[in-house]
Amino acid sequence: MVEMAKIALEFILVFLIVYVGTYLFSFRKIKKFDRNKMPTNIKYLVFRYNLDIVKIGYKRVLKTLMISDSFIVASIFTVTRFVNNIYIRLLVAFILIFPLFAGVYHLVASYYKKESE
C-alpha cells in the first residue's frame, strides 16, 4: 500500500512539474491567436480533426492540451519506472508515446467537436 502511495505521489509530482514548466515557458508568452505562430499540437488538431480554434477559444484549447501533455508525460514516466535498464526504458517510452498522444488527442478533439456542434 505504501508503494502505491509513492507511485501516485510520483505521478502527481511529475504531472505538476511538467504542467508548471509548460505554463511558465509557453502559455504566458501567448497573447492572442496567430495562425502563423500556432504550436504544433494545435496545428495537429486543426489539420487532423478540422477544429475551428477561433470558435472554441484558443487559450482554452491550449490549456486543455497542456493538461493532456502533462498527463501523457507523467503516465509514461510512471509506467516506465519499473524498467531498470535506461536503453530499454527509452525504447518502451518511445513505443508508448505515439499511441498515447494519438489516443489522448483524439479524445480532446472529439470532445471539442461534440461541444462545437
N, C-alpha and C. Protein backbone atom coordinates (compact mmCIF):
# COMPACT_ATOMS: atom_id res chain seq x y z
N MET A 1 0.82 -1.20 0.00
CA MET A 1 0.00 0.00 0.00
C MET A 1 0.86 1.27 0.00
N VAL A 2 1.95 1.21 0.74
CA VAL A 2 2.86 2.35 0.78
C VAL A 2 3.51 2.55 -0.59
N GLU A 3 3.81 1.46 -1.28
CA GLU A 3 4.42 1.55 -2.61
C GLU A 3 3.46 2.21 -3.61
N MET A 4 2.18 1.90 -3.50
CA MET A 4 1.18 2.52 -4.39
C MET A 4 1.07 4.02 -4.10
N ALA A 5 1.15 4.40 -2.84
CA ALA A 5 1.11 5.82 -2.48
C ALA A 5 2.33 6.55 -3.02
N LYS A 6 3.49 5.90 -2.99
CA LYS A 6 4.70 6.50 -3.55
C LYS A 6 4.58 6.70 -5.05
N ILE A 7 4.02 5.69 -5.73
CA ILE A 7 3.83 5.79 -7.17
C ILE A 7 2.86 6.91 -7.51
N ALA A 8 1.75 6.99 -6.76
CA ALA A 8 0.76 8.05 -7.01
C ALA A 8 1.37 9.43 -6.74
N LEU A 9 2.14 9.56 -5.69
CA LEU A 9 2.78 10.83 -5.38
C LEU A 9 3.80 11.21 -6.45
N GLU A 10 4.53 10.23 -6.94
CA GLU A 10 5.49 10.48 -8.01
C GLU A 10 4.77 10.93 -9.29
N PHE A 11 3.64 10.29 -9.60
CA PHE A 11 2.84 10.69 -10.76
C PHE A 11 2.38 12.13 -10.62
N ILE A 12 1.86 12.48 -9.46
CA ILE A 12 1.35 13.84 -9.24
C ILE A 12 2.48 14.85 -9.31
N LEU A 13 3.63 14.54 -8.74
CA LEU A 13 4.77 15.45 -8.80
C LEU A 13 5.25 15.69 -10.23
N VAL A 14 5.37 14.62 -10.99
CA VAL A 14 5.81 14.77 -12.39
C VAL A 14 4.77 15.55 -13.18
N PHE A 15 3.50 15.27 -12.94
CA PHE A 15 2.42 15.99 -13.62
C PHE A 15 2.51 17.48 -13.32
N LEU A 16 2.66 17.84 -12.06
CA LEU A 16 2.72 19.25 -11.69
C LEU A 16 3.97 19.94 -12.21
N ILE A 17 5.11 19.26 -12.19
CA ILE A 17 6.34 19.85 -12.70
C ILE A 17 6.23 20.13 -14.19
N VAL A 18 5.71 19.18 -14.94
CA VAL A 18 5.56 19.37 -16.38
C VAL A 18 4.54 20.46 -16.68
N TYR A 19 3.43 20.47 -15.94
CA TYR A 19 2.39 21.47 -16.18
C TYR A 19 2.89 22.88 -15.86
N VAL A 20 3.54 23.05 -14.73
CA VAL A 20 4.05 24.37 -14.35
C VAL A 20 5.14 24.82 -15.32
N GLY A 21 6.01 23.90 -15.73
CA GLY A 21 7.04 24.25 -16.70
C GLY A 21 6.45 24.68 -18.03
N THR A 22 5.46 23.95 -18.49
CA THR A 22 4.80 24.32 -19.74
C THR A 22 4.09 25.66 -19.61
N TYR A 23 3.46 25.88 -18.48
CA TYR A 23 2.77 27.15 -18.26
C TYR A 23 3.75 28.31 -18.26
N LEU A 24 4.85 28.15 -17.56
CA LEU A 24 5.81 29.25 -17.45
C LEU A 24 6.51 29.56 -18.76
N PHE A 25 6.85 28.52 -19.53
CA PHE A 25 7.66 28.74 -20.72
C PHE A 25 6.87 28.93 -22.00
N SER A 26 5.62 28.53 -22.05
CA SER A 26 4.91 28.68 -23.32
C SER A 26 3.59 29.43 -23.19
N PHE A 27 2.80 29.15 -22.17
CA PHE A 27 1.47 29.74 -22.10
C PHE A 27 1.51 31.23 -21.79
N ARG A 28 2.43 31.65 -20.97
CA ARG A 28 2.50 33.06 -20.60
C ARG A 28 2.93 33.95 -21.76
N LYS A 29 3.62 33.38 -22.75
CA LYS A 29 4.09 34.16 -23.89
C LYS A 29 2.96 34.44 -24.89
N ILE A 30 1.96 33.60 -24.91
CA ILE A 30 0.91 33.68 -25.93
C ILE A 30 -0.10 34.75 -25.54
N LYS A 31 -0.28 35.70 -26.43
CA LYS A 31 -1.21 36.79 -26.17
C LYS A 31 -2.55 36.56 -26.87
N LYS A 32 -2.52 36.34 -28.17
CA LYS A 32 -3.75 36.08 -28.91
C LYS A 32 -3.46 35.13 -30.06
N PHE A 33 -4.49 34.69 -30.71
CA PHE A 33 -4.38 33.68 -31.76
C PHE A 33 -3.68 34.25 -32.99
N ASP A 34 -2.70 33.53 -33.48
CA ASP A 34 -2.00 33.86 -34.71
C ASP A 34 -1.75 32.56 -35.46
N ARG A 35 -2.32 32.45 -36.65
CA ARG A 35 -2.22 31.21 -37.41
C ARG A 35 -0.78 30.83 -37.75
N ASN A 36 0.07 31.80 -37.90
CA ASN A 36 1.46 31.52 -38.26
C ASN A 36 2.29 31.05 -37.08
N LYS A 37 1.89 31.37 -35.86
CA LYS A 37 2.67 31.03 -34.67
C LYS A 37 1.98 29.99 -33.79
N MET A 38 1.11 29.18 -34.37
CA MET A 38 0.43 28.15 -33.60
C MET A 38 1.41 27.08 -33.16
N PRO A 39 1.26 26.56 -31.93
CA PRO A 39 2.08 25.42 -31.52
C PRO A 39 1.74 24.19 -32.35
N THR A 40 2.65 23.25 -32.38
CA THR A 40 2.50 22.06 -33.22
C THR A 40 1.29 21.21 -32.81
N ASN A 41 1.03 21.11 -31.51
CA ASN A 41 -0.09 20.29 -31.09
C ASN A 41 -1.43 20.88 -31.52
N ILE A 42 -1.54 22.18 -31.57
CA ILE A 42 -2.78 22.79 -32.05
C ILE A 42 -2.88 22.66 -33.57
N LYS A 43 -1.75 22.77 -34.27
CA LYS A 43 -1.76 22.55 -35.71
C LYS A 43 -2.23 21.13 -36.04
N TYR A 44 -1.79 20.18 -35.23
CA TYR A 44 -2.22 18.79 -35.42
C TYR A 44 -3.73 18.66 -35.28
N LEU A 45 -4.30 19.29 -34.27
CA LEU A 45 -5.76 19.22 -34.08
C LEU A 45 -6.51 19.90 -35.22
N VAL A 46 -5.97 21.01 -35.71
CA VAL A 46 -6.64 21.73 -36.79
C VAL A 46 -6.60 20.92 -38.08
N PHE A 47 -5.46 20.38 -38.43
CA PHE A 47 -5.34 19.68 -39.71
C PHE A 47 -5.93 18.27 -39.67
N ARG A 48 -5.77 17.57 -38.58
CA ARG A 48 -6.26 16.19 -38.50
C ARG A 48 -7.76 16.11 -38.23
N TYR A 49 -8.26 16.96 -37.32
CA TYR A 49 -9.66 16.86 -36.91
C TYR A 49 -10.50 18.04 -37.38
N ASN A 50 -9.91 18.99 -38.09
CA ASN A 50 -10.61 20.13 -38.67
C ASN A 50 -11.37 20.91 -37.60
N LEU A 51 -10.70 21.24 -36.52
CA LEU A 51 -11.31 22.03 -35.46
C LEU A 51 -11.18 23.52 -35.76
N ASP A 52 -12.20 24.27 -35.39
CA ASP A 52 -12.17 25.72 -35.52
C ASP A 52 -11.70 26.30 -34.19
N ILE A 53 -10.44 26.60 -34.10
CA ILE A 53 -9.84 27.04 -32.85
C ILE A 53 -10.37 28.40 -32.42
N VAL A 54 -10.67 29.27 -33.37
CA VAL A 54 -11.17 30.60 -33.03
C VAL A 54 -12.55 30.48 -32.38
N LYS A 55 -13.37 29.60 -32.91
CA LYS A 55 -14.73 29.42 -32.38
C LYS A 55 -14.70 28.80 -30.98
N ILE A 56 -13.83 27.84 -30.77
CA ILE A 56 -13.74 27.15 -29.47
C ILE A 56 -13.07 28.03 -28.44
N GLY A 57 -12.02 28.69 -28.83
CA GLY A 57 -11.24 29.52 -27.90
C GLY A 57 -9.81 29.01 -27.87
N TYR A 58 -8.90 29.83 -28.33
CA TYR A 58 -7.50 29.44 -28.48
C TYR A 58 -6.86 29.10 -27.14
N LYS A 59 -7.03 29.98 -26.16
CA LYS A 59 -6.39 29.74 -24.86
C LYS A 59 -7.03 28.56 -24.14
N ARG A 60 -8.30 28.34 -24.35
CA ARG A 60 -8.97 27.20 -23.72
C ARG A 60 -8.42 25.88 -24.25
N VAL A 61 -8.26 25.81 -25.56
CA VAL A 61 -7.70 24.60 -26.17
C VAL A 61 -6.25 24.42 -25.73
N LEU A 62 -5.52 25.50 -25.65
CA LEU A 62 -4.12 25.41 -25.23
C LEU A 62 -4.00 24.92 -23.78
N LYS A 63 -4.88 25.38 -22.91
CA LYS A 63 -4.87 24.90 -21.52
C LYS A 63 -5.21 23.41 -21.46
N THR A 64 -6.18 22.98 -22.25
CA THR A 64 -6.54 21.57 -22.27
C THR A 64 -5.39 20.72 -22.77
N LEU A 65 -4.70 21.17 -23.78
CA LEU A 65 -3.56 20.42 -24.32
C LEU A 65 -2.38 20.42 -23.35
N MET A 66 -2.22 21.48 -22.58
CA MET A 66 -1.16 21.49 -21.57
C MET A 66 -1.44 20.43 -20.51
N ILE A 67 -2.69 20.31 -20.10
CA ILE A 67 -3.06 19.30 -19.11
C ILE A 67 -2.89 17.90 -19.69
N SER A 68 -3.33 17.70 -20.93
CA SER A 68 -3.22 16.38 -21.54
C SER A 68 -1.75 15.99 -21.79
N ASP A 69 -0.93 16.93 -22.21
CA ASP A 69 0.50 16.64 -22.40
C ASP A 69 1.17 16.30 -21.07
N SER A 70 0.81 17.01 -20.02
CA SER A 70 1.36 16.70 -18.70
C SER A 70 0.93 15.32 -18.24
N PHE A 71 -0.30 14.96 -18.51
CA PHE A 71 -0.79 13.63 -18.16
C PHE A 71 -0.02 12.55 -18.92
N ILE A 72 0.23 12.77 -20.19
CA ILE A 72 0.94 11.79 -21.00
C ILE A 72 2.37 11.60 -20.50
N VAL A 73 3.06 12.68 -20.24
CA VAL A 73 4.44 12.58 -19.77
C VAL A 73 4.50 11.91 -18.40
N ALA A 74 3.59 12.28 -17.51
CA ALA A 74 3.59 11.68 -16.18
C ALA A 74 3.23 10.19 -16.23
N SER A 75 2.30 9.82 -17.09
CA SER A 75 1.93 8.41 -17.18
C SER A 75 3.06 7.58 -17.80
N ILE A 76 3.74 8.11 -18.81
CA ILE A 76 4.87 7.38 -19.39
C ILE A 76 6.00 7.25 -18.37
N PHE A 77 6.24 8.30 -17.62
CA PHE A 77 7.27 8.23 -16.58
C PHE A 77 6.92 7.18 -15.53
N THR A 78 5.66 7.14 -15.14
CA THR A 78 5.22 6.19 -14.12
C THR A 78 5.25 4.75 -14.64
N VAL A 79 4.83 4.54 -15.87
CA VAL A 79 4.81 3.19 -16.43
C VAL A 79 6.22 2.65 -16.63
N THR A 80 7.14 3.50 -17.05
CA THR A 80 8.49 3.03 -17.34
C THR A 80 9.42 3.06 -16.13
N ARG A 81 8.92 3.43 -14.98
CA ARG A 81 9.80 3.49 -13.80
C ARG A 81 10.21 2.11 -13.34
N PHE A 82 9.51 1.07 -13.75
CA PHE A 82 9.82 -0.29 -13.33
C PHE A 82 10.97 -0.91 -14.13
N VAL A 83 11.32 -0.27 -15.25
CA VAL A 83 12.39 -0.78 -16.10
C VAL A 83 13.71 -0.20 -15.59
N ASN A 84 14.66 -1.07 -15.29
CA ASN A 84 15.94 -0.61 -14.72
C ASN A 84 16.96 -0.19 -15.76
N ASN A 85 16.98 -0.86 -16.90
CA ASN A 85 17.93 -0.54 -17.96
C ASN A 85 17.47 0.72 -18.68
N ILE A 86 18.33 1.71 -18.79
CA ILE A 86 17.96 3.01 -19.37
C ILE A 86 17.63 2.89 -20.85
N TYR A 87 18.32 2.03 -21.58
CA TYR A 87 18.06 1.90 -23.01
C TYR A 87 16.71 1.22 -23.27
N ILE A 88 16.41 0.23 -22.49
CA ILE A 88 15.10 -0.43 -22.63
C ILE A 88 13.99 0.52 -22.19
N ARG A 89 14.26 1.31 -21.15
CA ARG A 89 13.27 2.28 -20.70
C ARG A 89 12.98 3.31 -21.78
N LEU A 90 14.01 3.80 -22.44
CA LEU A 90 13.81 4.74 -23.54
C LEU A 90 13.06 4.10 -24.70
N LEU A 91 13.36 2.86 -24.99
CA LEU A 91 12.66 2.15 -26.06
C LEU A 91 11.18 1.97 -25.73
N VAL A 92 10.89 1.58 -24.50
CA VAL A 92 9.49 1.42 -24.08
C VAL A 92 8.77 2.77 -24.11
N ALA A 93 9.42 3.81 -23.65
CA ALA A 93 8.81 5.14 -23.68
C ALA A 93 8.56 5.59 -25.12
N PHE A 94 9.51 5.33 -26.00
CA PHE A 94 9.34 5.70 -27.40
C PHE A 94 8.18 4.94 -28.04
N ILE A 95 8.03 3.68 -27.69
CA ILE A 95 6.93 2.88 -28.24
C ILE A 95 5.59 3.35 -27.69
N LEU A 96 5.54 3.73 -26.43
CA LEU A 96 4.28 4.12 -25.80
C LEU A 96 3.83 5.53 -26.12
N ILE A 97 4.76 6.39 -26.46
CA ILE A 97 4.41 7.81 -26.58
C ILE A 97 3.49 8.10 -27.75
N PHE A 98 3.68 7.44 -28.88
CA PHE A 98 2.85 7.74 -30.04
C PHE A 98 1.41 7.28 -29.89
N PRO A 99 1.14 6.07 -29.41
CA PRO A 99 -0.28 5.71 -29.20
C PRO A 99 -0.94 6.55 -28.11
N LEU A 100 -0.20 6.92 -27.08
CA LEU A 100 -0.79 7.76 -26.03
C LEU A 100 -1.15 9.14 -26.56
N PHE A 101 -0.24 9.75 -27.30
CA PHE A 101 -0.55 11.05 -27.88
C PHE A 101 -1.74 10.96 -28.84
N ALA A 102 -1.75 9.95 -29.68
CA ALA A 102 -2.86 9.81 -30.63
C ALA A 102 -4.18 9.59 -29.90
N GLY A 103 -4.18 8.75 -28.88
CA GLY A 103 -5.41 8.47 -28.15
C GLY A 103 -5.93 9.67 -27.37
N VAL A 104 -5.05 10.32 -26.65
CA VAL A 104 -5.48 11.46 -25.84
C VAL A 104 -5.90 12.63 -26.73
N TYR A 105 -5.17 12.88 -27.79
CA TYR A 105 -5.55 13.97 -28.69
C TYR A 105 -6.85 13.65 -29.42
N HIS A 106 -7.10 12.39 -29.70
CA HIS A 106 -8.38 12.00 -30.30
C HIS A 106 -9.53 12.29 -29.32
N LEU A 107 -9.33 11.98 -28.04
CA LEU A 107 -10.35 12.27 -27.04
C LEU A 107 -10.60 13.78 -26.91
N VAL A 108 -9.55 14.55 -26.91
CA VAL A 108 -9.68 16.01 -26.82
C VAL A 108 -10.41 16.55 -28.04
N ALA A 109 -10.03 16.08 -29.22
CA ALA A 109 -10.66 16.55 -30.45
C ALA A 109 -12.13 16.15 -30.51
N SER A 110 -12.46 14.92 -30.11
CA SER A 110 -13.86 14.51 -30.15
C SER A 110 -14.68 15.29 -29.13
N TYR A 111 -14.09 15.63 -27.99
CA TYR A 111 -14.79 16.46 -27.01
C TYR A 111 -15.11 17.84 -27.60
N TYR A 112 -14.12 18.46 -28.21
CA TYR A 112 -14.35 19.79 -28.78
C TYR A 112 -15.24 19.74 -30.02
N LYS A 113 -15.18 18.66 -30.78
CA LYS A 113 -16.08 18.52 -31.93
C LYS A 113 -17.53 18.43 -31.45
N LYS A 114 -17.74 17.62 -30.41
CA LYS A 114 -19.09 17.46 -29.88
C LYS A 114 -19.59 18.75 -29.26
N GLU A 115 -18.71 19.48 -28.61
CA GLU A 115 -19.09 20.72 -27.98
C GLU A 115 -19.41 21.81 -28.99
N SER A 116 -18.71 21.84 -30.11
CA SER A 116 -18.92 22.89 -31.10
C SER A 116 -20.17 22.65 -31.95
N GLU A 117 -20.70 21.45 -31.93
CA GLU A 117 -21.90 21.17 -32.73
C GLU A 117 -23.16 21.62 -32.07
